[in-house]
N, C-alpha and C. Protein backbone atom coordinates (compact mmCIF):
# COMPACT_ATOMS: atom_id res chain seq x y z
N MET A 1 -28.94 -57.83 107.49
CA MET A 1 -29.31 -58.44 106.61
C MET A 1 -28.31 -59.78 106.58
N SER A 2 -29.42 -61.08 106.29
CA SER A 2 -28.66 -62.27 106.21
C SER A 2 -28.68 -63.42 105.23
N LYS A 3 -27.25 -63.69 104.77
CA LYS A 3 -27.71 -64.10 103.35
C LYS A 3 -27.24 -65.94 103.78
N TYR A 4 -28.45 -66.83 103.34
CA TYR A 4 -28.35 -68.14 103.71
C TYR A 4 -27.68 -69.00 102.39
N ILE A 5 -26.22 -69.66 102.83
CA ILE A 5 -26.13 -70.64 101.84
C ILE A 5 -25.79 -71.93 102.52
N SER A 6 -26.09 -72.94 101.50
CA SER A 6 -25.94 -74.48 102.03
C SER A 6 -24.46 -75.06 102.30
N ALA A 7 -24.12 -75.74 103.11
CA ALA A 7 -22.40 -76.05 103.29
C ALA A 7 -21.77 -76.40 102.20
N LYS A 8 -22.41 -77.16 101.36
CA LYS A 8 -22.07 -77.82 100.27
C LYS A 8 -21.05 -75.85 99.30
N GLU A 9 -22.16 -75.13 99.39
CA GLU A 9 -21.70 -73.71 98.56
C GLU A 9 -20.68 -73.09 99.31
N PHE A 10 -20.84 -72.98 100.55
CA PHE A 10 -20.01 -72.45 101.26
C PHE A 10 -18.92 -73.10 100.85
N ARG A 11 -18.17 -74.23 100.99
CA ARG A 11 -16.71 -75.34 101.16
C ARG A 11 -16.40 -74.46 99.40
N GLN A 12 -16.95 -74.51 98.56
CA GLN A 12 -17.02 -74.22 97.19
C GLN A 12 -16.52 -72.96 97.46
N ARG A 13 -17.65 -71.78 97.62
CA ARG A 13 -17.53 -71.09 97.63
C ARG A 13 -16.21 -70.00 98.13
N PHE A 14 -15.69 -70.88 99.20
CA PHE A 14 -14.71 -70.17 100.57
C PHE A 14 -14.00 -68.74 100.15
N PRO A 15 -13.47 -68.93 98.96
CA PRO A 15 -12.46 -67.56 99.01
C PRO A 15 -13.34 -66.08 98.37
N ASP A 16 -14.28 -66.46 98.13
CA ASP A 16 -15.79 -65.24 97.85
C ASP A 16 -16.49 -65.04 99.70
N ILE A 17 -16.13 -65.78 100.33
CA ILE A 17 -16.64 -65.10 101.56
C ILE A 17 -16.90 -63.83 102.25
N VAL A 18 -15.51 -63.49 101.84
CA VAL A 18 -14.89 -62.04 102.53
C VAL A 18 -15.98 -61.38 101.57
N GLU A 19 -16.14 -61.05 100.41
CA GLU A 19 -17.22 -60.35 99.51
C GLU A 19 -18.33 -60.18 99.97
N ASP A 20 -18.61 -61.55 100.22
CA ASP A 20 -20.10 -61.42 100.64
C ASP A 20 -20.51 -61.26 102.02
N LEU A 21 -19.73 -60.85 102.76
CA LEU A 21 -19.90 -60.44 104.49
C LEU A 21 -19.79 -59.22 104.07
N LYS A 22 -18.63 -58.38 103.30
CA LYS A 22 -18.89 -57.04 103.03
C LYS A 22 -20.53 -56.64 102.84
N ARG A 23 -21.01 -57.39 102.02
CA ARG A 23 -21.97 -57.04 101.26
C ARG A 23 -23.43 -57.37 102.43
N TRP A 24 -23.42 -58.63 102.96
CA TRP A 24 -24.72 -58.90 103.54
C TRP A 24 -24.69 -58.61 105.13
N GLY A 25 -23.23 -58.47 105.47
CA GLY A 25 -23.01 -58.77 107.11
C GLY A 25 -23.03 -59.92 107.67
N GLU A 26 -23.56 -60.77 107.80
CA GLU A 26 -23.52 -62.29 108.32
C GLU A 26 -23.56 -63.01 106.96
N ILE A 27 -23.32 -64.71 107.11
CA ILE A 27 -23.54 -65.65 106.29
C ILE A 27 -24.17 -66.82 107.39
N ILE A 28 -25.24 -67.34 107.23
CA ILE A 28 -25.70 -68.10 107.43
C ILE A 28 -25.62 -69.76 107.33
N VAL A 29 -24.86 -70.28 107.32
CA VAL A 29 -24.62 -72.13 106.64
C VAL A 29 -25.36 -72.90 107.18
N LEU A 30 -26.28 -73.87 106.60
CA LEU A 30 -27.10 -74.44 106.08
C LEU A 30 -26.58 -76.14 105.94
N LYS A 31 -26.91 -76.81 106.99
CA LYS A 31 -26.90 -78.19 106.51
C LYS A 31 -28.60 -79.11 106.52
N ARG A 32 -28.52 -79.45 105.26
CA ARG A 32 -30.36 -80.06 105.16
C ARG A 32 -31.14 -79.14 105.45
N SER A 33 -30.99 -78.05 105.12
CA SER A 33 -31.92 -76.99 105.24
C SER A 33 -31.95 -76.47 106.89
N LYS A 34 -30.81 -77.02 107.85
CA LYS A 34 -31.08 -76.38 109.21
C LYS A 34 -29.84 -75.25 109.18
N PRO A 35 -29.90 -74.19 110.21
CA PRO A 35 -28.70 -73.48 109.89
C PRO A 35 -27.54 -74.68 111.10
N LEU A 36 -26.58 -74.23 110.63
CA LEU A 36 -25.43 -74.96 110.91
C LEU A 36 -24.86 -74.53 111.74
N PHE A 37 -24.06 -73.22 111.48
CA PHE A 37 -23.24 -72.00 112.09
C PHE A 37 -23.43 -70.57 110.95
N LYS A 38 -22.92 -69.80 111.75
CA LYS A 38 -23.45 -68.13 111.20
C LYS A 38 -21.59 -67.71 111.22
N VAL A 39 -21.51 -67.31 109.81
CA VAL A 39 -20.44 -66.75 109.60
C VAL A 39 -20.28 -64.63 109.93
N VAL A 40 -19.36 -64.11 110.75
CA VAL A 40 -19.89 -62.86 111.00
C VAL A 40 -18.82 -62.50 110.80
N GLN A 41 -18.54 -60.72 110.58
CA GLN A 41 -16.87 -60.27 110.33
C GLN A 41 -16.57 -60.04 111.64
N PHE A 42 -15.14 -60.03 112.27
CA PHE A 42 -14.29 -60.07 113.28
C PHE A 42 -14.42 -58.38 113.63
N GLU A 43 -14.92 -58.15 114.73
CA GLU A 43 -15.08 -56.35 114.92
C GLU A 43 -14.46 -56.70 116.67
N GLU A 44 -13.56 -55.61 116.69
CA GLU A 44 -12.68 -55.98 118.15
C GLU A 44 -13.38 -54.91 118.96
N SER A 45 -14.10 -55.24 120.42
CA SER A 45 -15.07 -54.48 120.99
C SER A 45 -13.88 -55.04 122.68
N PRO A 46 -14.31 -54.00 123.76
CA PRO A 46 -13.75 -54.25 124.65
C PRO A 46 -13.92 -55.70 125.44
N THR A 47 -14.92 -56.20 125.56
CA THR A 47 -15.01 -57.89 125.71
C THR A 47 -14.40 -58.21 125.01
N ASP A 48 -13.43 -58.26 123.42
CA ASP A 48 -12.56 -59.08 123.10
C ASP A 48 -11.06 -59.18 124.08
N LEU A 49 -10.87 -57.55 124.28
CA LEU A 49 -9.94 -57.42 124.88
C LEU A 49 -9.59 -57.92 126.26
N LEU A 50 -10.50 -57.99 126.89
CA LEU A 50 -10.73 -58.37 128.52
C LEU A 50 -10.25 -59.75 128.20
N ASP A 51 -11.14 -60.86 127.18
CA ASP A 51 -10.72 -61.84 127.13
C ASP A 51 -9.35 -62.52 126.65
N ARG A 52 -8.57 -61.51 125.66
CA ARG A 52 -7.59 -61.97 125.81
C ARG A 52 -6.18 -61.37 126.70
N ALA A 53 -7.12 -60.97 127.68
CA ALA A 53 -6.00 -60.10 128.69
C ALA A 53 -5.25 -61.60 129.22
N ALA A 54 -4.01 -60.94 129.79
CA ALA A 54 -3.50 -61.88 130.44
C ALA A 54 -3.43 -62.31 131.60
N ILE A 55 -3.69 -63.31 132.60
CA ILE A 55 -4.29 -63.84 133.61
C ILE A 55 -3.82 -64.80 134.28
N GLU A 56 -2.75 -63.95 135.62
CA GLU A 56 -1.64 -65.07 136.46
C GLU A 56 -2.65 -65.99 136.86
N ASP A 57 -1.98 -66.71 137.65
CA ASP A 57 -2.74 -68.04 138.32
C ASP A 57 -3.09 -68.00 139.25
N SER A 58 -3.36 -66.68 139.70
CA SER A 58 -4.44 -66.36 140.67
C SER A 58 -5.67 -65.57 140.19
N GLY A 59 -5.60 -65.92 138.74
CA GLY A 59 -6.76 -65.62 138.63
C GLY A 59 -7.37 -64.17 137.93
N GLN A 60 -6.66 -63.10 138.26
CA GLN A 60 -6.47 -62.13 138.16
C GLN A 60 -5.31 -61.05 137.73
N PRO A 61 -5.72 -60.43 136.38
CA PRO A 61 -4.68 -59.92 135.84
C PRO A 61 -3.89 -58.79 136.54
N ASP A 62 -2.51 -58.72 136.39
CA ASP A 62 -1.68 -57.69 137.53
C ASP A 62 -2.30 -56.48 136.76
N LEU A 63 -1.40 -55.18 137.27
CA LEU A 63 -1.32 -53.70 137.27
C LEU A 63 -1.49 -53.34 136.10
N GLN A 64 -0.29 -53.63 135.41
CA GLN A 64 0.56 -53.51 134.05
C GLN A 64 -0.52 -53.63 133.17
N GLU A 65 -1.23 -55.36 133.00
CA GLU A 65 -2.05 -55.40 132.53
C GLU A 65 -3.62 -54.58 132.50
N ILE A 66 -3.95 -54.45 133.74
CA ILE A 66 -5.15 -53.50 133.69
C ILE A 66 -5.11 -52.32 133.24
N SER A 67 -3.66 -51.43 133.39
CA SER A 67 -3.60 -50.45 132.65
C SER A 67 -3.41 -50.26 131.10
N ARG A 68 -3.17 -51.20 130.59
CA ARG A 68 -3.19 -51.36 129.30
C ARG A 68 -4.46 -51.60 128.94
N ILE A 69 -5.21 -52.59 129.34
CA ILE A 69 -6.72 -52.42 129.11
C ILE A 69 -7.46 -51.45 129.05
N VAL A 70 -6.92 -50.52 129.88
CA VAL A 70 -7.82 -49.52 130.43
C VAL A 70 -7.47 -47.87 129.45
N HIS A 71 -6.56 -47.92 129.13
CA HIS A 71 -6.06 -47.26 127.91
C HIS A 71 -6.56 -47.74 126.51
N LYS A 72 -6.46 -49.03 126.11
CA LYS A 72 -7.07 -49.50 125.04
C LYS A 72 -8.59 -49.00 124.67
N LEU A 73 -8.80 -48.91 125.94
CA LEU A 73 -10.23 -49.02 126.02
C LEU A 73 -10.79 -47.87 125.89
N ARG A 74 -10.35 -46.52 126.29
CA ARG A 74 -10.29 -45.47 126.44
C ARG A 74 -10.11 -44.88 124.55
N GLU A 75 -9.24 -45.79 124.15
CA GLU A 75 -8.87 -45.13 122.76
C GLU A 75 -10.35 -45.63 121.74
N ILE A 76 -11.06 -46.61 121.81
CA ILE A 76 -12.26 -46.96 121.10
C ILE A 76 -13.20 -45.86 121.46
């Protein structure tokens, strides 16, 4: 379920947004009645881990980095 709020309300209520996210799951911020952006809770997923993996100049992670990622994925 989503909650829709104006950009002005988002700025004014920013400290309370965390509680709203827990309740609604996502908040869609509107500007002039059009969606501007969506705020969602952060969830660490395997794709997040792969995106943050250190990559060498060759464009490939080293074996230690691959091993660390695989072990982290197995924990999930």
